[in-house]
Amino acid sequence: MLKPLETNPLVRQQTQPEVTASNLLSLFEVIFKNDVRFRIIVILSNREAAGLREIARNAGISHKNLAKYLDTLIQKGIVETYPVGVRNRAYRLATKYSYLRYFFNSNHSS
């Protein structure tokens, strides 16, 4: 049977370890390291925008396979795309997720 959470904040603070952004990011990287969508988000959080081939190269998959993952992220509103020239497109994190840039960059640089 699960034990309910302690309601006394002082007791809770003493029994729960401190969770930092760095610890949380490390946990996500362990859990999601093989998830292409997570790798795409990390890649795009480290640059303003990137082309399909650049993302594919950094994610370690072919650009043809990458397209379906990008489409999913675009449909979910996590990634935005815009035209670059006549035939190419660039991809970037959606504005509402721009805080991820700070989160991922501040933890990878330390």
PDB file of N, CA and C in Angstrom:
ATOM      1  N   MET A   1       0.847  -1.179   0.000  1.00  0.00           N
ATOM      2  CA  MET A   1       0.000   0.000   0.000  1.00  0.00           C
ATOM      3  C   MET A   1       0.893   1.244   0.000  1.00  0.00           C
ATOM      4  N   LEU A   2       0.519   2.239  -0.806  1.00  0.00           N
ATOM      5  CA  LEU A   2       1.292   3.469  -0.878  1.00  0.00           C
ATOM      6  C   LEU A   2       1.054   4.331   0.351  1.00  0.00           C
ATOM      7  N   LYS A   3       2.115   4.937   0.798  1.00  0.00           N
ATOM      8  CA  LYS A   3       2.057   5.825   1.957  1.00  0.00           C
ATOM      9  C   LYS A   3       1.744   7.242   1.468  1.00  0.00           C
ATOM     10  N   PRO A   4       0.794   7.941   2.081  1.00  0.00           N
ATOM     11  CA  PRO A   4       0.482   9.313   1.644  1.00  0.00           C
ATOM     12  C   PRO A   4       1.656  10.261   1.899  1.00  0.00           C
ATOM     13  N   LEU A   5       1.704  11.320   1.114  1.00  0.00           N
ATOM     14  CA  LEU A   5       2.736  12.334   1.312  1.00  0.00           C
ATOM     15  C   LEU A   5       2.567  13.006   2.659  1.00  0.00           C
ATOM     16  N   GLU A   6       3.671  13.331   3.257  1.00  0.00           N
ATOM     17  CA  GLU A   6       3.666  14.049   4.537  1.00  0.00           C
ATOM     18  C   GLU A   6       3.100  15.447   4.310  1.00  0.00           C
ATOM     19  N   THR A   7       2.176  15.859   5.141  1.00  0.00           N
ATOM     20  CA  THR A   7       1.556  17.176   4.979  1.00  0.00           C
ATOM     21  C   THR A   7       2.358  18.285   5.648  1.00  0.00           C
ATOM     22  N   ASN A   8       3.189  17.955   6.594  1.00  0.00           N
ATOM     23  CA  ASN A   8       4.015  18.950   7.275  1.00  0.00           C
ATOM     24  C   ASN A   8       5.173  19.332   6.349  1.00  0.00           C
ATOM     25  N   PRO A   9       5.236  20.600   5.878  1.00  0.00           N
ATOM     26  CA  PRO A   9       6.282  20.991   4.922  1.00  0.00           C
ATOM     27  C   PRO A   9       7.702  20.829   5.464  1.00  0.00           C
ATOM     28  N   LEU A  10       7.896  20.993   6.767  1.00  0.00           N
ATOM     29  CA  LEU A  10       9.226  20.850   7.350  1.00  0.00           C
ATOM     30  C   LEU A  10       9.701  19.400   7.242  1.00  0.00           C
ATOM     31  N   VAL A  11       8.835  18.464   7.528  1.00  0.00           N
ATOM     32  CA  VAL A  11       9.184  17.048   7.426  1.00  0.00           C
ATOM     33  C   VAL A  11       9.424  16.680   5.971  1.00  0.00           C
ATOM     34  N   ARG A  12       8.575  17.160   5.066  1.00  0.00           N
ATOM     35  CA  ARG A  12       8.746  16.874   3.627  1.00  0.00           C
ATOM     36  C   ARG A  12      10.080  17.396   3.135  1.00  0.00           C
ATOM     37  N   GLN A  13      10.460  18.601   3.558  1.00  0.00           N
ATOM     38  CA  GLN A  13      11.712  19.210   3.117  1.00  0.00           C
ATOM     39  C   GLN A  13      12.909  18.390   3.591  1.00  0.00           C
ATOM     40  N   GLN A  14      12.831  17.829   4.779  1.00  0.00           N
ATOM     41  CA  GLN A  14      13.939  17.055   5.328  1.00  0.00           C
ATOM     42  C   GLN A  14      14.066  15.683   4.669  1.00  0.00           C
ATOM     43  N   THR A  15      12.983  15.111   4.185  1.00  0.00           N
ATOM     44  CA  THR A  15      13.023  13.746   3.654  1.00  0.00           C
ATOM     45  C   THR A  15      13.205  13.699   2.144  1.00  0.00           C
ATOM     46  N   GLN A  16      12.908  14.766   1.431  1.00  0.00           N
ATOM     47  CA  GLN A  16      13.021  14.765  -0.013  1.00  0.00           C
ATOM     48  C   GLN A  16      14.336  15.406  -0.444  1.00  0.00           C
ATOM     49  N   PRO A  17      15.054  14.737  -1.360  1.00  0.00           N
ATOM     50  CA  PRO A  17      16.310  15.328  -1.834  1.00  0.00           C
ATOM     51  C   PRO A  17      16.036  16.573  -2.664  1.00  0.00           C
ATOM     52  N   GLU A  18      17.005  17.474  -2.680  1.00  0.00           N
ATOM     53  CA  GLU A  18      16.874  18.689  -3.485  1.00  0.00           C
ATOM     54  C   GLU A  18      16.997  18.320  -4.963  1.00  0.00           C
ATOM     55  N   VAL A  19      16.066  18.770  -5.748  1.00  0.00           N
ATOM     56  CA  VAL A  19      16.084  18.489  -7.173  1.00  0.00           C
ATOM     57  C   VAL A  19      16.479  19.765  -7.900  1.00  0.00           C
ATOM     58  N   THR A  20      17.585  19.692  -8.621  1.00  0.00           N
ATOM     59  CA  THR A  20      18.037  20.844  -9.388  1.00  0.00           C
ATOM     60  C   THR A  20      17.688  20.640 -10.853  1.00  0.00           C
ATOM     61  N   ALA A  21      17.757  21.696 -11.613  1.00  0.00           N
ATOM     62  CA  ALA A  21      17.513  21.597 -13.052  1.00  0.00           C
ATOM     63  C   ALA A  21      18.513  20.645 -13.693  1.00  0.00           C
ATOM     64  N   SER A  22      19.732  20.668 -13.226  1.00  0.00           N
ATOM     65  CA  SER A  22      20.767  19.793 -13.761  1.00  0.00           C
ATOM     66  C   SER A  22      20.445  18.326 -13.495  1.00  0.00           C
ATOM     67  N   ASN A  23      19.971  18.030 -12.275  1.00  0.00           N
ATOM     68  CA  ASN A  23      19.582  16.658 -11.949  1.00  0.00           C
ATOM     69  C   ASN A  23      18.418  16.200 -12.812  1.00  0.00           C
ATOM     70  N   LEU A  24      17.459  17.083 -12.989  1.00  0.00           N
ATOM     71  CA  LEU A  24      16.287  16.752 -13.794  1.00  0.00           C
ATOM     72  C   LEU A  24      16.670  16.516 -15.249  1.00  0.00           C
ATOM     73  N   LEU A  25      17.536  17.369 -15.786  1.00  0.00           N
ATOM     74  CA  LEU A  25      17.992  17.191 -17.155  1.00  0.00           C
ATOM     75  C   LEU A  25      18.745  15.872 -17.306  1.00  0.00           C
ATOM     76  N   SER A  26      19.578  15.531 -16.349  1.00  0.00           N
ATOM     77  CA  SER A  26      20.310  14.265 -16.390  1.00  0.00           C
ATOM     78  C   SER A  26      19.349  13.079 -16.401  1.00  0.00           C
ATOM     79  N   LEU A  27      18.305  13.165 -15.602  1.00  0.00           N
ATOM     80  CA  LEU A  27      17.295  12.112 -15.583  1.00  0.00           C
ATOM     81  C   LEU A  27      16.602  11.996 -16.940  1.00  0.00           C
ATOM     82  N   PHE A  28      16.207  13.133 -17.510  1.00  0.00           N
ATOM     83  CA  PHE A  28      15.578  13.118 -18.831  1.00  0.00           C
ATOM     84  C   PHE A  28      16.502  12.524 -19.878  1.00  0.00           C
ATOM     85  N   GLU A  29      17.777  12.870 -19.808  1.00  0.00           N
ATOM     86  CA  GLU A  29      18.724  12.351 -20.790  1.00  0.00           C
ATOM     87  C   GLU A  29      18.873  10.840 -20.676  1.00  0.00           C
ATOM     88  N   VAL A  30      18.833  10.313 -19.463  1.00  0.00           N
ATOM     89  CA  VAL A  30      18.913   8.864 -19.277  1.00  0.00           C
ATOM     90  C   VAL A  30      17.648   8.196 -19.810  1.00  0.00           C
ATOM     91  N   ILE A  31      16.502   8.752 -19.467  1.00  0.00           N
ATOM     92  CA  ILE A  31      15.231   8.150 -19.867  1.00  0.00           C
ATOM     93  C   ILE A  31      14.986   8.275 -21.365  1.00  0.00           C
ATOM     94  N   PHE A  32      15.260   9.455 -21.920  1.00  0.00           N
ATOM     95  CA  PHE A  32      14.871   9.745 -23.297  1.00  0.00           C
ATOM     96  C   PHE A  32      16.028   9.783 -24.286  1.00  0.00           C
ATOM     97  N   LYS A  33      17.229   9.328 -23.903  1.00  0.00           N
ATOM     98  CA  LYS A  33      18.395   9.488 -24.773  1.00  0.00           C
ATOM     99  C   LYS A  33      18.226   8.815 -26.139  1.00  0.00           C
ATOM    100  N   ASN A  34      17.422   7.784 -26.218  1.00  0.00           N
ATOM    101  CA  ASN A  34      17.201   7.106 -27.495  1.00  0.00           C
ATOM    102  C   ASN A  34      15.970   7.635 -28.230  1.00  0.00           C
ATOM    103  N   ASP A  35      15.303   8.602 -27.668  1.00  0.00           N
ATOM    104  CA  ASP A  35      14.114   9.180 -28.294  1.00  0.00           C
ATOM    105  C   ASP A  35      14.549  10.291 -29.244  1.00  0.00           C
ATOM    106  N   VAL A  36      14.289  10.102 -30.505  1.00  0.00           N
ATOM    107  CA  VAL A  36      14.705  11.069 -31.525  1.00  0.00           C
ATOM    108  C   VAL A  36      14.072  12.432 -31.277  1.00  0.00           C
ATOM    109  N   ARG A  37      12.822  12.459 -30.840  1.00  0.00           N
ATOM    110  CA  ARG A  37      12.156  13.747 -30.594  1.00  0.00           C
ATOM    111  C   ARG A  37      12.866  14.537 -29.504  1.00  0.00           C
ATOM    112  N   PHE A  38      13.305  13.861 -28.451  1.00  0.00           N
ATOM    113  CA  PHE A  38      14.053  14.541 -27.391  1.00  0.00           C
ATOM    114  C   PHE A  38      15.363  15.089 -27.933  1.00  0.00           C
ATOM    115  N   ARG A  39      16.060  14.302 -28.745  1.00  0.00           N
ATOM    116  CA  ARG A  39      17.328  14.766 -29.324  1.00  0.00           C
ATOM    117  C   ARG A  39      17.093  15.977 -30.217  1.00  0.00           C
ATOM    118  N   ILE A  40      16.003  15.990 -30.971  1.00  0.00           N
ATOM    119  CA  ILE A  40      15.681  17.138 -31.826  1.00  0.00           C
ATOM    120  C   ILE A  40      15.480  18.385 -30.969  1.00  0.00           C
ATOM    121  N   ILE A  41      14.735  18.249 -29.884  1.00  0.00           N
ATOM    122  CA  ILE A  41      14.477  19.391 -29.000  1.00  0.00           C
ATOM    123  C   ILE A  41      15.781  19.915 -28.415  1.00  0.00           C
ATOM    124  N   VAL A  42      16.662  19.018 -27.994  1.00  0.00           N
ATOM    125  CA  VAL A  42      17.957  19.442 -27.444  1.00  0.00           C
ATOM    126  C   VAL A  42      18.781  20.140 -28.525  1.00  0.00           C
ATOM    127  N   ILE A  43      18.803  19.584 -29.725  1.00  0.00           N
ATOM    128  CA  ILE A  43      19.560  20.179 -30.838  1.00  0.00           C
ATOM    129  C   ILE A  43      19.044  21.591 -31.129  1.00  0.00           C
ATOM    130  N   LEU A  44      17.729  21.735 -31.244  1.00  0.00           N
ATOM    131  CA  LEU A  44      17.152  23.042 -31.571  1.00  0.00           C
ATOM    132  C   LEU A  44      17.269  24.028 -30.412  1.00  0.00           C
ATOM    133  N   SER A  45      17.407  23.526 -29.201  1.00  0.00           N
ATOM    134  CA  SER A  45      17.570  24.441 -28.067  1.00  0.00           C
ATOM    135  C   SER A  45      18.966  25.063 -28.049  1.00  0.00           C
ATOM    136  N   ASN A  46      19.886  24.494 -28.805  1.00  0.00           N
ATOM    137  CA  ASN A  46      21.259  24.997 -28.839  1.00  0.00           C
ATOM    138  C   ASN A  46      21.550  25.896 -30.032  1.00  0.00           C
ATOM    139  N   ARG A  47      20.534  26.222 -30.807  1.00  0.00           N
ATOM    140  CA  ARG A  47      20.719  27.106 -31.962  1.00  0.00           C
ATOM    141  C   ARG A  47      19.406  27.818 -32.265  1.00  0.00           C
ATOM    142  N   GLU A  48      19.523  28.914 -32.982  1.00  0.00           N
ATOM    143  CA  GLU A  48      18.318  29.681 -33.349  1.00  0.00           C
ATOM    144  C   GLU A  48      17.410  28.883 -34.277  1.00  0.00           C
ATOM    145  N   ALA A  49      18.009  28.224 -35.245  1.00  0.00           N
ATOM    146  CA  ALA A  49      17.264  27.415 -36.206  1.00  0.00           C
ATOM    147  C   ALA A  49      18.252  26.477 -36.886  1.00  0.00           C
ATOM    148  N   ALA A  50      17.729  25.464 -37.560  1.00  0.00           N
ATOM    149  CA  ALA A  50      18.598  24.523 -38.262  1.00  0.00           C
ATOM    150  C   ALA A  50      17.847  23.910 -39.419  1.00  0.00           C
ATOM    151  N   GLY A  51      18.597  23.506 -40.435  1.00  0.00           N
ATOM    152  CA  GLY A  51      18.026  22.825 -41.578  1.00  0.00           C
ATOM    153  C   GLY A  51      17.861  21.335 -41.307  1.00  0.00           C
ATOM    154  N   LEU A  52      17.136  20.682 -42.170  1.00  0.00           N
ATOM    155  CA  LEU A  52      16.842  19.267 -42.036  1.00  0.00           C
ATOM    156  C   LEU A  52      18.109  18.417 -41.945  1.00  0.00           C
ATOM    157  N   ARG A  53      19.050  18.636 -42.831  1.00  0.00           N
ATOM    158  CA  ARG A  53      20.271  17.817 -42.841  1.00  0.00           C
ATOM    159  C   ARG A  53      21.136  18.057 -41.607  1.00  0.00           C
ATOM    160  N   GLU A  54      21.191  19.294 -41.145  1.00  0.00           N
ATOM    161  CA  GLU A  54      21.974  19.593 -39.941  1.00  0.00           C
ATOM    162  C   GLU A  54      21.383  18.882 -38.723  1.00  0.00           C
ATOM    163  N   ILE A  55      20.063  18.933 -38.598  1.00  0.00           N
ATOM    164  CA  ILE A  55      19.405  18.252 -37.478  1.00  0.00           C
ATOM    165  C   ILE A  55      19.625  16.746 -37.584  1.00  0.00           C
ATOM    166  N   ALA A  56      19.460  16.196 -38.784  1.00  0.00           N
ATOM    167  CA  ALA A  56      19.637  14.752 -38.991  1.00  0.00           C
ATOM    168  C   ALA A  56      21.051  14.315 -38.623  1.00  0.00           C
ATOM    169  N   ARG A  57      22.032  15.076 -39.057  1.00  0.00           N
ATOM    170  CA  ARG A  57      23.434  14.747 -38.762  1.00  0.00           C
ATOM    171  C   ARG A  57      23.676  14.733 -37.250  1.00  0.00           C
ATOM    172  N   ASN A  58      23.157  15.745 -36.549  1.00  0.00           N
ATOM    173  CA  ASN A  58      23.355  15.836 -35.099  1.00  0.00           C
ATOM    174  C   ASN A  58      22.520  14.820 -34.317  1.00  0.00           C
ATOM    175  N   ALA A  59      21.383  14.418 -34.886  1.00  0.00           N
ATOM    176  CA  ALA A  59      20.526  13.427 -34.210  1.00  0.00           C
ATOM    177  C   ALA A  59      20.966  12.002 -34.514  1.00  0.00           C
ATOM    178  N   GLY A  60      21.807  11.849 -35.537  1.00  0.00           N
ATOM    179  CA  GLY A  60      22.312  10.525 -35.868  1.00  0.00           C
ATOM    180  C   GLY A  60      21.348   9.661 -36.660  1.00  0.00           C
ATOM    181  N   ILE A  61      20.457  10.300 -37.434  1.00  0.00           N
ATOM    182  CA  ILE A  61      19.549   9.534 -38.295  1.00  0.00           C
ATOM    183  C   ILE A  61      19.521  10.174 -39.681  1.00  0.00           C
ATOM    184  N   SER A  62      18.952   9.457 -40.629  1.00  0.00           N
ATOM    185  CA  SER A  62      18.883   9.996 -41.994  1.00  0.00           C
ATOM    186  C   SER A  62      17.870  11.133 -42.053  1.00  0.00           C
ATOM    187  N   HIS A  63      18.102  12.068 -42.977  1.00  0.00           N
ATOM    188  CA  HIS A  63      17.164  13.195 -43.097  1.00  0.00           C
ATOM    189  C   HIS A  63      15.783  12.727 -43.545  1.00  0.00           C
ATOM    190  N   LYS A  64      15.711  11.618 -44.265  1.00  0.00           N
ATOM    191  CA  LYS A  64      14.402  11.085 -44.695  1.00  0.00           C
ATOM    192  C   LYS A  64      13.604  10.573 -43.500  1.00  0.00           C
ATOM    193  N   ASN A  65      14.272   9.892 -42.568  1.00  0.00           N
ATOM    194  CA  ASN A  65      13.579   9.416 -41.364  1.00  0.00           C
ATOM    195  C   ASN A  65      13.254  10.558 -40.408  1.00  0.00           C
ATOM    196  N   LEU A  66      14.076  11.581 -40.411  1.00  0.00           N
ATOM    197  CA  LEU A  66      13.872  12.711 -39.509  1.00  0.00           C
ATOM    198  C   LEU A  66      12.569  13.453 -39.802  1.00  0.00           C
ATOM    199  N   ALA A  67      12.177  13.501 -41.040  1.00  0.00           N
ATOM    200  CA  ALA A  67      10.994  14.276 -41.443  1.00  0.00           C
ATOM    201  C   ALA A  67       9.753  13.886 -40.645  1.00  0.00           C
ATOM    202  N   LYS A  68       9.534  12.604 -40.410  1.00  0.00           N
ATOM    203  CA  LYS A  68       8.324  12.187 -39.672  1.00  0.00           C
ATOM    204  C   LYS A  68       8.357  12.657 -38.217  1.00  0.00           C
ATOM    205  N   TYR A  69       9.551  12.669 -37.615  1.00  0.00           N
ATOM    206  CA  TYR A  69       9.660  13.150 -36.234  1.00  0.00           C
ATOM    207  C   TYR A  69       9.429  14.661 -36.166  1.00  0.00           C
ATOM    208  N   LEU A  70       9.975  15.380 -37.130  1.00  0.00           N
ATOM    209  CA  LEU A  70       9.754  16.829 -37.173  1.00  0.00           C
ATOM    210  C   LEU A  70       8.277  17.141 -37.398  1.00  0.00           C
ATOM    211  N   ASP A  71       7.628  16.386 -38.272  1.00  0.00           N
ATOM    212  CA  ASP A  71       6.195  16.603 -38.513  1.00  0.00           C
ATOM    213  C   ASP A  71       5.387  16.445 -37.231  1.00  0.00           C
ATOM    214  N   THR A  72       5.722  15.436 -36.442  1.00  0.00           N
ATOM    215  CA  THR A  72       5.029  15.220 -35.168  1.00  0.00           C
ATOM    216  C   THR A  72       5.238  16.401 -34.233  1.00  0.00           C
ATOM    217  N   LEU A  73       6.481  16.873 -34.119  1.00  0.00           N
ATOM    218  CA  LEU A  73       6.770  18.006 -33.240  1.00  0.00           C
ATOM    219  C   LEU A  73       6.114  19.289 -33.730  1.00  0.00           C
ATOM    220  N   ILE A  74       6.006  19.445 -35.034  1.00  0.00           N
ATOM    221  CA  ILE A  74       5.327  20.612 -35.603  1.00  0.00           C
ATOM    222  C   ILE A  74       3.834  20.541 -35.290  1.00  0.00           C
ATOM    223  N   GLN A  75       3.233  19.374 -35.476  1.00  0.00           N
ATOM    224  CA  GLN A  75       1.803  19.210 -35.181  1.00  0.00           C
ATOM    225  C   GLN A  75       1.483  19.470 -33.717  1.00  0.00           C
ATOM    226  N   LYS A  76       2.406  19.116 -32.831  1.00  0.00           N
ATOM    227  CA  LYS A  76       2.197  19.333 -31.396  1.00  0.00           C
ATOM    228  C   LYS A  76       2.510  20.768 -30.982  1.00  0.00           C
ATOM    229  N   GLY A  77       3.041  21.578 -31.912  1.00  0.00           N
ATOM    230  CA  GLY A  77       3.332  22.978 -31.621  1.00  0.00           C
ATOM    231  C   GLY A  77       4.650  23.205 -30.904  1.00  0.00           C
ATOM    232  N   ILE A  78       5.516  22.201 -30.882  1.00  0.00           N
ATOM    233  CA  ILE A  78       6.802  22.322 -30.192  1.00  0.00           C
ATOM    234  C   ILE A  78       7.864  22.920 -31.106  1.00  0.00           C
ATOM    235  N   VAL A  79       7.769  22.609 -32.384  1.00  0.00           N
ATOM    236  CA  VAL A  79       8.722  23.090 -33.390  1.00  0.00           C
ATOM    237  C   VAL A  79       7.963  23.889 -34.436  1.00  0.00           C
ATOM    238  N   GLU A  80       8.592  24.953 -34.904  1.00  0.00           N
ATOM    239  CA  GLU A  80       8.049  25.774 -35.998  1.00  0.00           C
ATOM    240  C   GLU A  80       8.977  25.639 -37.193  1.00  0.00           C
ATOM    241  N   THR A  81       8.425  25.853 -38.359  1.00  0.00           N
ATOM    242  CA  THR A  81       9.226  25.808 -39.575  1.00  0.00           C
ATOM    243  C   THR A  81       8.941  27.044 -40.410  1.00  0.00           C
ATOM    244  N   TYR A  82       9.934  27.442 -41.191  1.00  0.00           N
ATOM    245  CA  TYR A  82       9.750  28.582 -42.086  1.00  0.00           C
ATOM    246  C   TYR A  82      10.637  28.378 -43.309  1.00  0.00           C
ATOM    247  N   PRO A  83      10.228  28.972 -44.444  1.00  0.00           N
ATOM    248  CA  PRO A  83      11.005  28.774 -45.677  1.00  0.00           C
ATOM    249  C   PRO A  83      12.323  29.543 -45.651  1.00  0.00           C
ATOM    250  N   VAL A  84      13.330  28.918 -46.251  1.00  0.00           N
ATOM    251  CA  VAL A  84      14.634  29.544 -46.460  1.00  0.00           C
ATOM    252  C   VAL A  84      14.945  29.340 -47.936  1.00  0.00           C
ATOM    253  N   GLY A  85      14.851  30.410 -48.686  1.00  0.00           N
ATOM    254  CA  GLY A  85      15.028  30.288 -50.126  1.00  0.00           C
ATOM    255  C   GLY A  85      13.814  29.629 -50.768  1.00  0.00           C
ATOM    256  N   VAL A  86      14.025  29.065 -51.938  1.00  0.00           N
ATOM    257  CA  VAL A  86      12.916  28.497 -52.705  1.00  0.00           C
ATOM    258  C   VAL A  86      12.571  27.079 -52.259  1.00  0.00           C
ATOM    259  N   ARG A  87      13.584  26.260 -51.977  1.00  0.00           N
ATOM    260  CA  ARG A  87      13.327  24.842 -51.746  1.00  0.00           C
ATOM    261  C   ARG A  87      13.597  24.351 -50.330  1.00  0.00           C
ATOM    262  N   ASN A  88      14.213  25.147 -49.505  1.00  0.00           N
ATOM    263  CA  ASN A  88      14.610  24.673 -48.181  1.00  0.00           C
ATOM    264  C   ASN A  88      13.740  25.259 -47.078  1.00  0.00           C
ATOM    265  N   ARG A  89      13.759  24.572 -45.927  1.00  0.00           N
ATOM    266  CA  ARG A  89      13.035  25.021 -44.757  1.00  0.00           C
ATOM    267  C   ARG A  89      13.987  24.992 -43.560  1.00  0.00           C
ATOM    268  N   ALA A  90      13.736  25.858 -42.605  1.00  0.00           N
ATOM    269  CA  ALA A  90      14.492  25.862 -41.354  1.00  0.00           C
ATOM    270  C   ALA A  90      13.512  25.511 -40.235  1.00  0.00           C
ATOM    271  N   TYR A  91      14.054  24.940 -39.179  1.00  0.00           N
ATOM    272  CA  TYR A  91      13.246  24.508 -38.043  1.00  0.00           C
ATOM    273  C   TYR A  91      13.789  25.167 -36.789  1.00  0.00           C
ATOM    274  N   ARG A  92      12.876  25.529 -35.889  1.00  0.00           N
ATOM    275  CA  ARG A  92      13.266  26.150 -34.623  1.00  0.00           C
ATOM    276  C   ARG A  92      12.251  25.757 -33.553  1.00  0.00           C
ATOM    277  N   LEU A  93      12.658  25.924 -32.300  1.00  0.00           N
ATOM    278  CA  LEU A  93      11.716  25.707 -31.211  1.00  0.00           C
ATOM    279  C   LEU A  93      10.621  26.758 -31.302  1.00  0.00           C
ATOM    280  N   ALA A  94       9.396  26.360 -31.022  1.00  0.00           N
ATOM    281  CA  ALA A  94       8.291  27.316 -30.994  1.00  0.00           C
ATOM    282  C   ALA A  94       8.555  28.343 -29.899  1.00  0.00           C
ATOM    283  N   THR A  95       8.087  29.550 -30.113  1.00  0.00           N
ATOM    284  CA  THR A  95       8.313  30.653 -29.180  1.00  0.00           C
ATOM    285  C   THR A  95       7.882  30.293 -27.762  1.00  0.00           C
ATOM    286  N   LYS A  96       6.760  29.600 -27.616  1.00  0.00           N
ATOM    287  CA  LYS A  96       6.276  29.279 -26.272  1.00  0.00           C
ATOM    288  C   LYS A  96       7.182  28.296 -25.535  1.00  0.00           C
ATOM    289  N   TYR A  97       8.110  27.652 -26.252  1.00  0.00           N
ATOM    290  CA  TYR A  97       9.060  26.735 -25.618  1.00  0.00           C
ATOM    291  C   TYR A  97      10.488  27.287 -25.624  1.00  0.00           C
ATOM    292  N   SER A  98      10.629  28.582 -25.845  1.00  0.00           N
ATOM    293  CA  SER A  98      11.968  29.173 -25.909  1.00  0.00           C
ATOM    294  C   SER A  98      12.715  29.062 -24.577  1.00  0.00           C
ATOM    295  N   TYR A  99      12.002  28.915 -23.468  1.00  0.00           N
ATOM    296  CA  TYR A  99      12.663  28.742 -22.171  1.00  0.00           C
ATOM    297  C   TYR A  99      13.536  27.488 -22.147  1.00  0.00           C
ATOM    298  N   LEU A 100      13.257  26.527 -23.003  1.00  0.00           N
ATOM    299  CA  LEU A 100      14.078  25.316 -23.060  1.00  0.00           C
ATOM    300  C   LEU A 100      15.512  25.639 -23.463  1.00  0.00           C
ATOM    301  N   ARG A 101      15.694  26.699 -24.248  1.00  0.00           N
ATOM    302  CA  ARG A 101      17.052  27.114 -24.623  1.00  0.00           C
ATOM    303  C   ARG A 101      17.877  27.398 -23.379  1.00  0.00           C
ATOM    304  N   TYR A 102      17.310  28.163 -22.487  1.00  0.00           N
ATOM    305  CA  TYR A 102      18.019  28.499 -21.253  1.00  0.00           C
ATOM    306  C   TYR A 102      18.248  27.236 -20.423  1.00  0.00           C
ATOM    307  N   PHE A 103      17.228  26.422 -20.311  1.00  0.00           N
ATOM    308  CA  PHE A 103      17.307  25.213 -19.490  1.00  0.00           C
ATOM    309  C   PHE A 103      18.391  24.267 -19.992  1.00  0.00           C
ATOM    310  N   PHE A 104      18.375  23.933 -21.268  1.00  0.00           N
ATOM    311  CA  PHE A 104      19.350  22.985 -21.795  1.00  0.00           C
ATOM    312  C   PHE A 104      20.733  23.599 -21.859  1.00  0.00           C
ATOM    313  N   ASN A 105      20.850  24.841 -22.301  1.00  0.00           N
ATOM    314  CA  ASN A 105      22.166  25.470 -22.422  1.00  0.00           C
ATOM    315  C   ASN A 105      22.829  25.710 -21.080  1.00  0.00           C
ATOM    316  N   SER A 106      22.081  26.123 -20.077  1.00  0.00           N
ATOM    317  CA  SER A 106      22.685  26.397 -18.778  1.00  0.00           C
ATOM    318  C   SER A 106      23.166  25.116 -18.111  1.00  0.00           C
ATOM    319  N   ASN A 107      22.549  24.008 -18.418  1.00  0.00           N
ATOM    320  CA  ASN A 107      22.951  22.753 -17.792  1.00  0.00           C
ATOM    321  C   ASN A 107      24.071  22.060 -18.538  1.00  0.00           C
ATOM    322  N   HIS A 108      24.184  22.273 -19.826  1.00  0.00           N
ATOM    323  CA  HIS A 108      25.265  21.639 -20.588  1.00  0.00           C
ATOM    324  C   HIS A 108      26.562  22.404 -20.483  1.00  0.00           C
ATOM    325  N   SER A 109      26.501  23.679 -20.143  1.00  0.00           N
ATOM    326  CA  SER A 109      27.721  24.461 -20.066  1.00  0.00           C
ATOM    327  C   SER A 109      28.396  24.372 -18.712  1.00  0.00           C
ATOM    328  N   SER A 110      27.728  23.802 -17.718  1.00  0.00           N
ATOM    329  CA  SER A 110      28.343  23.709 -16.394  1.00  0.00           C
ATOM    330  C   SER A 110      29.123  22.435 -16.183  1.00  0.00           C
TER     331      SER A 110
END
